[in-house]
C-alpha atoms as a PDB file:
ATOM      1  CA  UNK A   1     -13.307  18.690  -3.459  1.00  0.00           C
ATOM      2  CA  UNK A   2     -10.639  16.886  -2.214  1.00  0.00           C
ATOM      3  CA  UNK A   3      -8.440  17.496   0.775  1.00  0.00           C
ATOM      4  CA  UNK A   4      -5.369  17.894  -0.581  1.00  0.00           C
ATOM      5  CA  UNK A   5      -2.701  20.323   0.001  1.00  0.00           C
ATOM      6  CA  UNK A   6      -5.759  21.263   3.411  1.00  0.00           C
ATOM      7  CA  UNK A   7      -4.009  20.837   6.611  1.00  0.00           C
ATOM      8  CA  UNK A   8      -5.616  18.155   9.075  1.00  0.00           C
ATOM      9  CA  UNK A   9      -5.101  18.017  12.432  1.00  0.00           C
ATOM     10  CA  UNK A  10      -6.341  14.688  14.010  1.00  0.00           C
ATOM     11  CA  UNK A  11      -6.267  13.997  17.749  1.00  0.00           C
ATOM     12  CA  UNK A  12      -6.140  10.575  18.866  1.00  0.00           C
ATOM     13  CA  UNK A  13      -4.023  10.038  15.980  1.00  0.00           C
ATOM     14  CA  UNK A  14      -2.210   6.680  16.807  1.00  0.00           C
ATOM     15  CA  UNK A  15      -4.548   3.972  16.591  1.00  0.00           C
ATOM     16  CA  UNK A  16      -8.498   3.231  15.566  1.00  0.00           C
ATOM     17  CA  UNK A  17     -10.583   6.016  13.992  1.00  0.00           C
ATOM     18  CA  UNK A  18      -7.804   8.235  14.169  1.00  0.00           C
ATOM     19  CA  UNK A  19      -4.882   6.304  12.466  1.00  0.00           C
ATOM     20  CA  UNK A  20      -8.048   5.368   9.641  1.00  0.00           C
ATOM     21  CA  UNK A  21      -8.712   9.009   8.764  1.00  0.00           C
ATOM     22  CA  UNK A  22      -4.747   9.832   8.434  1.00  0.00           C
ATOM     23  CA  UNK A  23      -4.178   7.137   6.114  1.00  0.00           C
ATOM     24  CA  UNK A  24      -7.596   8.257   4.529  1.00  0.00           C
ATOM     25  CA  UNK A  25      -6.678  11.748   4.378  1.00  0.00           C
ATOM     26  CA  UNK A  26      -3.385  11.003   3.276  1.00  0.00           C
ATOM     27  CA  UNK A  27      -4.277   9.491  -0.328  1.00  0.00           C
ATOM     28  CA  UNK A  28      -5.853  12.552  -0.863  1.00  0.00           C
ATOM     29  CA  UNK A  29      -2.686  14.733  -0.481  1.00  0.00           C
ATOM     30  CA  UNK A  30      -3.309  16.757   2.550  1.00  0.00           C
ATOM     31  CA  UNK A  31      -1.052  17.571   4.740  1.00  0.00           C
ATOM     32  CA  UNK A  32      -1.315  15.942   8.321  1.00  0.00           C
ATOM     33  CA  UNK A  33      -0.422  16.868  12.182  1.00  0.00           C
ATOM     34  CA  UNK A  34      -1.208  13.417  14.475  1.00  0.00           C
ATOM     35  CA  UNK A  35      -1.287  14.498  18.129  1.00  0.00           C
ATOM     36  CA  UNK A  36      -2.041  11.548  20.809  1.00  0.00           C
ATOM     37  CA  UNK A  37      -0.793  10.758  24.120  1.00  0.00           C
ATOM     38  CA  UNK A  38       1.377   7.999  22.969  1.00  0.00           C
ATOM     39  CA  UNK A  39       4.843   8.616  21.007  1.00  0.00           C
ATOM     40  CA  UNK A  40       5.393   5.834  19.596  1.00  0.00           C
ATOM     41  CA  UNK A  41       2.559   4.809  17.467  1.00  0.00           C
ATOM     42  CA  UNK A  42       2.150   8.212  16.583  1.00  0.00           C
ATOM     43  CA  UNK A  43       5.704   8.623  15.043  1.00  0.00           C
ATOM     44  CA  UNK A  44       5.038   5.142  13.301  1.00  0.00           C
ATOM     45  CA  UNK A  45       2.182   6.789  11.499  1.00  0.00           C
ATOM     46  CA  UNK A  46       3.786  10.133  10.986  1.00  0.00           C
ATOM     47  CA  UNK A  47       6.797   8.544   8.901  1.00  0.00           C
ATOM     48  CA  UNK A  48       4.686   6.593   6.669  1.00  0.00           C
ATOM     49  CA  UNK A  49       2.434  10.299   5.569  1.00  0.00           C
ATOM     50  CA  UNK A  50       5.467  12.510   6.203  1.00  0.00           C
ATOM     51  CA  UNK A  51       2.905  14.042   8.961  1.00  0.00           C
ATOM     52  CA  UNK A  52       4.237  16.190  12.013  1.00  0.00           C
ATOM     53  CA  UNK A  53       3.942  14.180  15.611  1.00  0.00           C
ATOM     54  CA  UNK A  54       3.235  15.777  18.798  1.00  0.00           C
ATOM     55  CA  UNK A  55       2.467  13.258  21.546  1.00  0.00           C
ATOM     56  CA  UNK A  56       0.032  14.972  24.763  1.00  0.00           C
ATOM     57  CA  UNK A  57      -2.580  15.585  25.901  1.00  0.00           C
ATOM     58  CA  UNK A  58      -5.538  17.056  23.962  1.00  0.00           C
ATOM     59  CA  UNK A  59      -7.369  18.155  27.182  1.00  0.00           C
ATOM     60  CA  UNK A  60      -4.410  20.436  27.818  1.00  0.00           C
ATOM     61  CA  UNK A  61      -4.908  24.362  26.677  1.00  0.00           C
ATOM     62  CA  UNK A  62      -0.959  24.304  28.396  1.00  0.00           C
ATOM     63  CA  UNK A  63       0.047  21.415  25.680  1.00  0.00           C
ATOM     64  CA  UNK A  64      -2.004  22.938  23.143  1.00  0.00           C
ATOM     65  CA  UNK A  65      -0.110  26.700  23.723  1.00  0.00           C
ATOM     66  CA  UNK A  66       2.920  24.154  22.705  1.00  0.00           C
ATOM     67  CA  UNK A  67       1.352  22.848  19.710  1.00  0.00           C
ATOM     68  CA  UNK A  68       0.511  25.653  17.921  1.00  0.00           C
ATOM     69  CA  UNK A  69       3.792  26.838  17.576  1.00  0.00           C
ATOM     70  CA  UNK A  70       4.485  24.520  16.138  1.00  0.00           C
ATOM     71  CA  UNK A  71       2.030  23.597  13.599  1.00  0.00           C
ATOM     72  CA  UNK A  72       2.193  27.059  12.578  1.00  0.00           C
ATOM     73  CA  UNK A  73       5.663  27.075  11.840  1.00  0.00           C
ATOM     74  CA  UNK A  74       5.128  23.635   9.373  1.00  0.00           C
ATOM     75  CA  UNK A  75       2.640  24.087   7.825  1.00  0.00           C
ATOM     76  CA  UNK A  76       0.997  28.064   8.224  1.00  0.00           C
ATOM     77  CA  UNK A  77      -2.133  27.414   8.645  1.00  0.00           C
ATOM     78  CA  UNK A  78      -4.865  24.788   9.544  1.00  0.00           C
ATOM     79  CA  UNK A  79      -7.422  23.733   7.169  1.00  0.00           C
ATOM     80  CA  UNK A  80      -9.732  20.972   8.878  1.00  0.00           C
ATOM     81  CA  UNK A  81      -9.858  19.529  13.064  1.00  0.00           C
ATOM     82  CA  UNK A  82     -10.978  16.077  13.534  1.00  0.00           C
ATOM     83  CA  UNK A  83     -11.262  15.806  16.878  1.00  0.00           C
ATOM     84  CA  UNK A  84     -11.609  11.610  18.076  1.00  0.00           C
ATOM     85  CA  UNK A  85      -9.334  11.702  20.978  1.00  0.00           C
ATOM     86  CA  UNK A  86     -11.924   9.570  23.359  1.00  0.00           C
ATOM     87  CA  UNK A  87     -12.162   7.152  25.577  1.00  0.00           C
ATOM     88  CA  UNK A  88     -13.931   4.716  28.765  1.00  0.00           C
ATOM     89  CA  UNK A  89     -15.928   5.747  31.484  1.00  0.00           C
ATOM     90  CA  UNK A  90     -17.215   2.542  32.391  1.00  0.00           C
ATOM     91  CA  UNK A  91     -19.542   2.040  35.845  1.00  0.00           C
ATOM     92  CA  UNK A  92     -23.511   3.423  36.594  1.00  0.00           C
ATOM     93  CA  UNK A  93     -23.324   6.509  38.563  1.00  0.00           C
ATOM     94  CA  UNK A  94     -23.040   5.123  42.530  1.00  0.00           C
ATOM     95  CA  UNK A  95     -19.731   3.067  41.471  1.00  0.00           C
ATOM     96  CA  UNK A  96     -18.512   5.964  39.845  1.00  0.00           C
ATOM     97  CA  UNK A  97     -16.148   7.368  41.375  1.00  0.00           C
ATOM     98  CA  UNK A  98     -15.212  11.702  41.462  1.00  0.00           C
ATOM     99  CA  UNK A  99     -11.580  10.749  39.809  1.00  0.00           C
ATOM    100  CA  UNK A 100     -13.217   8.322  37.104  1.00  0.00           C
ATOM    101  CA  UNK A 101     -15.689  10.598  36.482  1.00  0.00           C
ATOM    102  CA  UNK A 102     -13.933  13.848  35.569  1.00  0.00           C
ATOM    103  CA  UNK A 103     -11.235  11.587  33.395  1.00  0.00           C
ATOM    104  CA  UNK A 104     -14.033  10.126  31.771  1.00  0.00           C
ATOM    105  CA  UNK A 105     -15.020  13.787  30.900  1.00  0.00           C
ATOM    106  CA  UNK A 106     -11.955  15.153  29.723  1.00  0.00           C
ATOM    107  CA  UNK A 107     -11.334  12.095  27.648  1.00  0.00           C
ATOM    108  CA  UNK A 108     -14.185  12.376  25.598  1.00  0.00           C
ATOM    109  CA  UNK A 109     -15.855  16.440  26.311  1.00  0.00           C
ATOM    110  CA  UNK A 110     -12.312  17.859  27.847  1.00  0.00           C
ATOM    111  CA  UNK A 111     -10.312  16.602  24.450  1.00  0.00           C
ATOM    112  CA  UNK A 112     -13.128  18.284  21.806  1.00  0.00           C
ATOM    113  CA  UNK A 113     -13.124  21.349  24.240  1.00  0.00           C
ATOM    114  CA  UNK A 114      -9.117  22.484  23.853  1.00  0.00           C
ATOM    115  CA  UNK A 115      -8.741  20.888  20.480  1.00  0.00           C
ATOM    116  CA  UNK A 116     -11.753  23.344  19.361  1.00  0.00           C
ATOM    117  CA  UNK A 117     -10.502  26.752  21.141  1.00  0.00           C
ATOM    118  CA  UNK A 118      -7.095  25.817  20.337  1.00  0.00           C
ATOM    119  CA  UNK A 119      -7.459  25.563  16.342  1.00  0.00           C
ATOM    120  CA  UNK A 120     -10.055  28.058  16.372  1.00  0.00           C
ATOM    121  CA  UNK A 121      -8.272  31.009  15.370  1.00  0.00           C
ATOM    122  CA  UNK A 122      -6.324  29.646  12.268  1.00  0.00           C
ATOM    123  CA  UNK A 123      -9.665  27.877  11.113  1.00  0.00           C
ATOM    124  CA  UNK A 124     -11.479  30.887  11.250  1.00  0.00           C
ATOM    125  CA  UNK A 125      -8.217  32.145   9.390  1.00  0.00           C
ATOM    126  CA  UNK A 126      -8.504  29.431   6.255  1.00  0.00           C
ATOM    127  CA  UNK A 127     -12.664  28.870   6.097  1.00  0.00           C
ATOM    128  CA  UNK A 128     -12.116  25.976   7.904  1.00  0.00           C
ATOM    129  CA  UNK A 129     -13.864  22.792   9.291  1.00  0.00           C
ATOM    130  CA  UNK A 130     -14.028  20.295  12.234  1.00  0.00           C
ATOM    131  CA  UNK A 131     -15.197  17.039  12.852  1.00  0.00           C
ATOM    132  CA  UNK A 132     -16.200  15.998  16.376  1.00  0.00           C
ATOM    133  CA  UNK A 133     -15.772  12.171  16.699  1.00  0.00           C
ATOM    134  CA  UNK A 134     -18.932  11.349  19.218  1.00  0.00           C
ATOM    135  CA  UNK A 135     -21.223   8.003  19.408  1.00  0.00           C
ATOM    136  CA  UNK A 136     -24.413   6.385  19.398  1.00  0.00           C
ATOM    137  CA  UNK A 137     -23.917   7.048  23.143  1.00  0.00           C
ATOM    138  CA  UNK A 138     -24.556  10.906  22.535  1.00  0.00           C
ATOM    139  CA  UNK A 139     -27.952   9.691  21.505  1.00  0.00           C
ATOM    140  CA  UNK A 140     -28.997   6.578  24.110  1.00  0.00           C
ATOM    141  CA  UNK A 141     -27.507   5.299  27.003  1.00  0.00           C
ATOM    142  CA  UNK A 142     -26.275   2.108  27.092  1.00  0.00           C
ATOM    143  CA  UNK A 143     -26.009  -0.039  30.549  1.00  0.00           C
ATOM    144  CA  UNK A 144     -22.695   0.975  33.431  1.00  0.00           C
ATOM    145  CA  UNK A 145     -21.380   3.831  31.421  1.00  0.00           C
ATOM    146  CA  UNK A 146     -22.541   6.655  33.064  1.00  0.00           C
ATOM    147  CA  UNK A 147     -19.738   9.022  32.734  1.00  0.00           C
ATOM    148  CA  UNK A 148     -19.189   7.981  29.117  1.00  0.00           C
ATOM    149  CA  UNK A 149     -23.253   8.522  28.053  1.00  0.00           C
ATOM    150  CA  UNK A 150     -22.757  12.448  30.046  1.00  0.00           C
ATOM    151  CA  UNK A 151     -19.234  12.974  27.946  1.00  0.00           C
ATOM    152  CA  UNK A 152     -21.139  11.933  24.532  1.00  0.00           C
ATOM    153  CA  UNK A 153     -24.164  14.037  25.014  1.00  0.00           C
ATOM    154  CA  UNK A 154     -22.305  17.149  26.160  1.00  0.00           C
ATOM    155  CA  UNK A 155     -20.512  16.779  23.241  1.00  0.00           C
ATOM    156  CA  UNK A 156     -23.468  17.691  20.638  1.00  0.00           C
ATOM    157  CA  UNK A 157     -23.717  20.306  23.042  1.00  0.00           C
ATOM    158  CA  UNK A 158     -20.549  21.539  22.303  1.00  0.00           C
ATOM    159  CA  UNK A 159     -20.523  20.862  18.521  1.00  0.00           C
ATOM    160  CA  UNK A 160     -24.038  23.242  18.055  1.00  0.00           C
ATOM    161  CA  UNK A 161     -22.709  25.988  20.165  1.00  0.00           C
ATOM    162  CA  UNK A 162     -19.922  25.662  18.390  1.00  0.00           C
ATOM    163  CA  UNK A 163     -21.884  26.054  15.193  1.00  0.00           C
ATOM    164  CA  UNK A 164     -23.700  28.810  16.057  1.00  0.00           C
ATOM    165  CA  UNK A 165     -20.695  30.820  17.420  1.00  0.00           C
ATOM    166  CA  UNK A 166     -18.735  30.122  14.390  1.00  0.00           C
ATOM    167  CA  UNK A 167     -20.709  29.229  11.067  1.00  0.00           C
ATOM    168  CA  UNK A 168     -21.405  33.067  10.794  1.00  0.00           C
ATOM    169  CA  UNK A 169     -17.460  33.073  10.727  1.00  0.00           C
ATOM    170  CA  UNK A 170     -16.969  30.733   8.251  1.00  0.00           C
ATOM    171  CA  UNK A 171     -16.059  27.911  10.131  1.00  0.00           C
ATOM    172  CA  UNK A 172     -18.010  24.361   9.704  1.00  0.00           C
ATOM    173  CA  UNK A 173     -18.959  22.345  12.616  1.00  0.00           C
ATOM    174  CA  UNK A 174     -20.215  18.691  12.364  1.00  0.00           C
ATOM    175  CA  UNK A 175     -20.104  15.501  14.586  1.00  0.00           C
ATOM    176  CA  UNK A 176     -20.123  11.931  13.702  1.00  0.00           C
ATOM    177  CA  UNK A 177     -21.731   9.317  15.845  1.00  0.00           C
ATOM    178  CA  UNK A 178     -20.821   6.048  14.839  1.00  0.00           C
ATOM    179  CA  UNK A 179     -21.932   2.422  16.285  1.00  0.00           C
ATOM    180  CA  UNK A 180     -19.683  -0.266  16.747  1.00  0.00           C
ATOM    181  CA  UNK A 181     -16.557   0.566  15.225  1.00  0.00           C
ATOM    182  CA  UNK A 182     -13.693  -2.288  15.081  1.00  0.00           C
ATOM    183  CA  UNK A 183     -11.146  -0.730  16.765  1.00  0.00           C
ATOM    184  CA  UNK A 184      -8.412  -2.163  19.549  1.00  0.00           C
ATOM    185  CA  UNK A 185     -10.934  -0.040  21.860  1.00  0.00           C
ATOM    186  CA  UNK A 186     -13.708  -2.206  20.544  1.00  0.00           C
ATOM    187  CA  UNK A 187     -12.608  -5.046  20.860  1.00  0.00           C
ATOM    188  CA  UNK A 188     -11.223  -4.956  24.520  1.00  0.00           C
ATOM    189  CA  UNK A 189     -15.012  -3.722  25.230  1.00  0.00           C
ATOM    190  CA  UNK A 190     -15.844  -6.956  23.607  1.00  0.00           C
ATOM    191  CA  UNK A 191     -13.420  -9.004  26.353  1.00  0.00           C
ATOM    192  CA  UNK A 192     -16.852  -9.958  28.420  1.00  0.00           C
ATOM    193  CA  UNK A 193     -19.169 -11.218  26.196  1.00  0.00           C
ATOM    194  CA  UNK A 194     -16.153 -13.519  25.504  1.00  0.00           C
ATOM    195  CA  UNK A 195     -15.833 -14.644  29.136  1.00  0.00           C
ATOM    196  CA  UNK A 196     -19.315 -14.848  29.600  1.00  0.00           C
ATOM    197  CA  UNK A 197     -20.002 -17.056  26.791  1.00  0.00           C
ATOM    198  CA  UNK A 198     -16.597 -18.711  25.681  1.00  0.00           C
ATOM    199  CA  UNK A 199     -17.298 -15.985  22.227  1.00  0.00           C
ATOM    200  CA  UNK A 200     -14.575 -15.645  19.879  1.00  0.00           C
ATOM    201  CA  UNK A 201     -14.110 -12.348  18.996  1.00  0.00           C
ATOM    202  CA  UNK A 202     -15.740 -12.777  15.722  1.00  0.00           C
ATOM    203  CA  UNK A 203     -18.502 -14.125  18.000  1.00  0.00           C
ATOM    204  CA  UNK A 204     -18.868 -11.540  19.918  1.00  0.00           C
ATOM    205  CA  UNK A 205     -18.786  -8.833  17.532  1.00  0.00           C
ATOM    206  CA  UNK A 206     -21.533 -10.984  15.710  1.00  0.00           C
ATOM    207  CA  UNK A 207     -23.819 -10.921  19.666  1.00  0.00           C
ATOM    208  CA  UNK A 208     -23.128  -7.486  20.279  1.00  0.00           C
ATOM    209  CA  UNK A 209     -25.067  -6.510  16.170  1.00  0.00           C
ATOM    210  CA  UNK A 210     -27.377  -9.083  15.959  1.00  0.00           C
ATOM    211  CA  UNK A 211     -30.358  -6.604  16.239  1.00  0.00           C
ATOM    212  CA  UNK A 212     -28.758  -3.967  14.409  1.00  0.00           C
ATOM    213  CA  UNK A 213     -30.214  -3.946  10.518  1.00  0.00           C
ATOM    214  CA  UNK A 214     -27.105  -4.512   8.776  1.00  0.00           C
ATOM    215  CA  UNK A 215     -26.006  -6.931  10.983  1.00  0.00           C
ATOM    216  CA  UNK A 216     -22.321  -5.558  11.340  1.00  0.00           C
ATOM    217  CA  UNK A 217     -19.910  -3.649  13.106  1.00  0.00           C
ATOM    218  CA  UNK A 218     -18.392  -0.343  10.743  1.00  0.00           C
ATOM    219  CA  UNK A 219     -15.345  -0.377   9.973  1.00  0.00           C
ATOM    220  CA  UNK A 220     -12.815   2.545  10.710  1.00  0.00           C
ATOM    221  CA  UNK A 221     -11.675   2.953   6.901  1.00  0.00           C
ATOM    222  CA  UNK A 222     -15.569   3.947   6.899  1.00  0.00           C
ATOM    223  CA  UNK A 223     -16.099   6.022   9.569  1.00  0.00           C
ATOM    224  CA  UNK A 224     -12.729   8.153   8.221  1.00  0.00           C
ATOM    225  CA  UNK A 225     -15.170   8.378   4.620  1.00  0.00           C
ATOM    226  CA  UNK A 226     -17.703  10.214   6.246  1.00  0.00           C
ATOM    227  CA  UNK A 227     -15.108  12.027   8.775  1.00  0.00           C
ATOM    228  CA  UNK A 228     -13.116  12.972   4.688  1.00  0.00           C
ATOM    229  CA  UNK A 229     -16.403  14.015   3.155  1.00  0.00           C
ATOM    230  CA  UNK A 230     -17.127  16.405   6.388  1.00  0.00           C
ATOM    231  CA  UNK A 231     -14.238  18.557   5.973  1.00  0.00           C
ATOM    232  CA  UNK A 232     -14.515  18.669   2.285  1.00  0.00           C
ATOM    233  CA  UNK A 233     -16.114  21.310  -0.122  1.00  0.00           C
ATOM    234  CA  UNK A 234     -18.379  18.560  -0.824  1.00  0.00           C
ATOM    235  CA  UNK A 235     -20.200  19.074   2.135  1.00  0.00           C
ATOM    236  CA  UNK A 236     -19.791  22.676   2.226  1.00  0.00           C
ATOM    237  CA  UNK A 237     -24.465  23.143   3.665  1.00  0.00           C
ATOM    238  CA  UNK A 238     -23.788  20.860   6.270  1.00  0.00           C
ATOM    239  CA  UNK A 239     -23.689  22.370   9.474  1.00  0.00           C
ATOM    240  CA  UNK A 240     -24.103  21.975  13.276  1.00  0.00           C
ATOM    241  CA  UNK A 241     -25.250  18.091  11.643  1.00  0.00           C
ATOM    242  CA  UNK A 242     -24.803  15.186  14.153  1.00  0.00           C
ATOM    243  CA  UNK A 243     -23.937  12.825  11.014  1.00  0.00           C
ATOM    244  CA  UNK A 244     -25.445   9.124  12.361  1.00  0.00           C
ATOM    245  CA  UNK A 245     -23.412   6.178  11.512  1.00  0.00           C
ATOM    246  CA  UNK A 246     -24.252   3.131  13.492  1.00  0.00           C
ATOM    247  CA  UNK A 247     -25.323  -0.141  10.265  1.00  0.00           C
ATOM    248  CA  UNK A 248     -29.100   1.526  11.733  1.00  0.00           C
ATOM    249  CA  UNK A 249     -29.137   0.382  15.419  1.00  0.00           C
ATOM    250  CA  UNK A 250     -30.837   3.773  16.409  1.00  0.00           C
ATOM    251  CA  UNK A 251     -33.825   3.270  13.875  1.00  0.00           C
ATOM    252  CA  UNK A 252     -34.331  -0.035  15.891  1.00  0.00           C
ATOM    253  CA  UNK A 253     -37.958   0.100  17.669  1.00  0.00           C
ATOM    254  CA  UNK A 254     -36.722  -1.713  21.030  1.00  0.00           C
ATOM    255  CA  UNK A 255     -39.774  -3.045  22.371  1.00  0.00           C
ATOM    256  CA  UNK A 256     -40.879  -4.901  19.552  1.00  0.00           C
ATOM    257  CA  UNK A 257     -37.858  -7.285  19.541  1.00  0.00           C
ATOM    258  CA  UNK A 258     -38.924  -9.952  21.348  1.00  0.00           C
ATOM    259  CA  UNK A 259     -41.009 -10.488  17.739  1.00  0.00           C
ATOM    260  CA  UNK A 260     -37.665 -10.905  15.573  1.00  0.00           C
ATOM    261  CA  UNK A 261     -36.560 -13.498  17.643  1.00  0.00           C
ATOM    262  CA  UNK A 262     -40.178 -15.996  17.476  1.00  0.00           C
END
């Protein structure tokens, strides 16, 4: 039921949800492969979990062609993939230039596609599972994040396509859709609110979760726990699912919010 002695690849592993996944999986005795763009945080984390740190671009087929021989030589197979690599895609459609558009799609969709494609042969061999980190932006649109919303919506299409094609071959595929999660990236996103309202970081998080039923953001370890569940045999019948982990924000009837502030 645990991940003991399972080889798990985590992309975007250096910080945030990816790093929380590495820490959670290590506690269960998993063997970890940490992939990300920045070598220093990967190596620091890998040294604590006796993992394999591989610096590169998770959206690059060439980098994956280099990663996989190292992974197979060290561990002999792959049992799970958590595709956490992602990024922002700010701006409404009229202000997003071609370069920014393609960069956002690569960060939020291309990384998951290239990671899944590279890992599928090994996951098919092991009967493994993969988890793609999406967002509630995969279910609804926020203001002026056109490329991000588009990439995350497309990520669910990728998950479903993988689930249909590779489920019959024994590979389970699911996605997680978090709302606000306390991470360095989310902290940075609070900056405009902090400037506009004179908020502290804590006050900014309270502001963005004021209409969320649980009234708080998630912690990275809470999302890591869901990823752990989806990789384990405890979730053996869950396949092709988008697990929403947003404190209830997506169930709120937005047109009635005015009445809650009377």
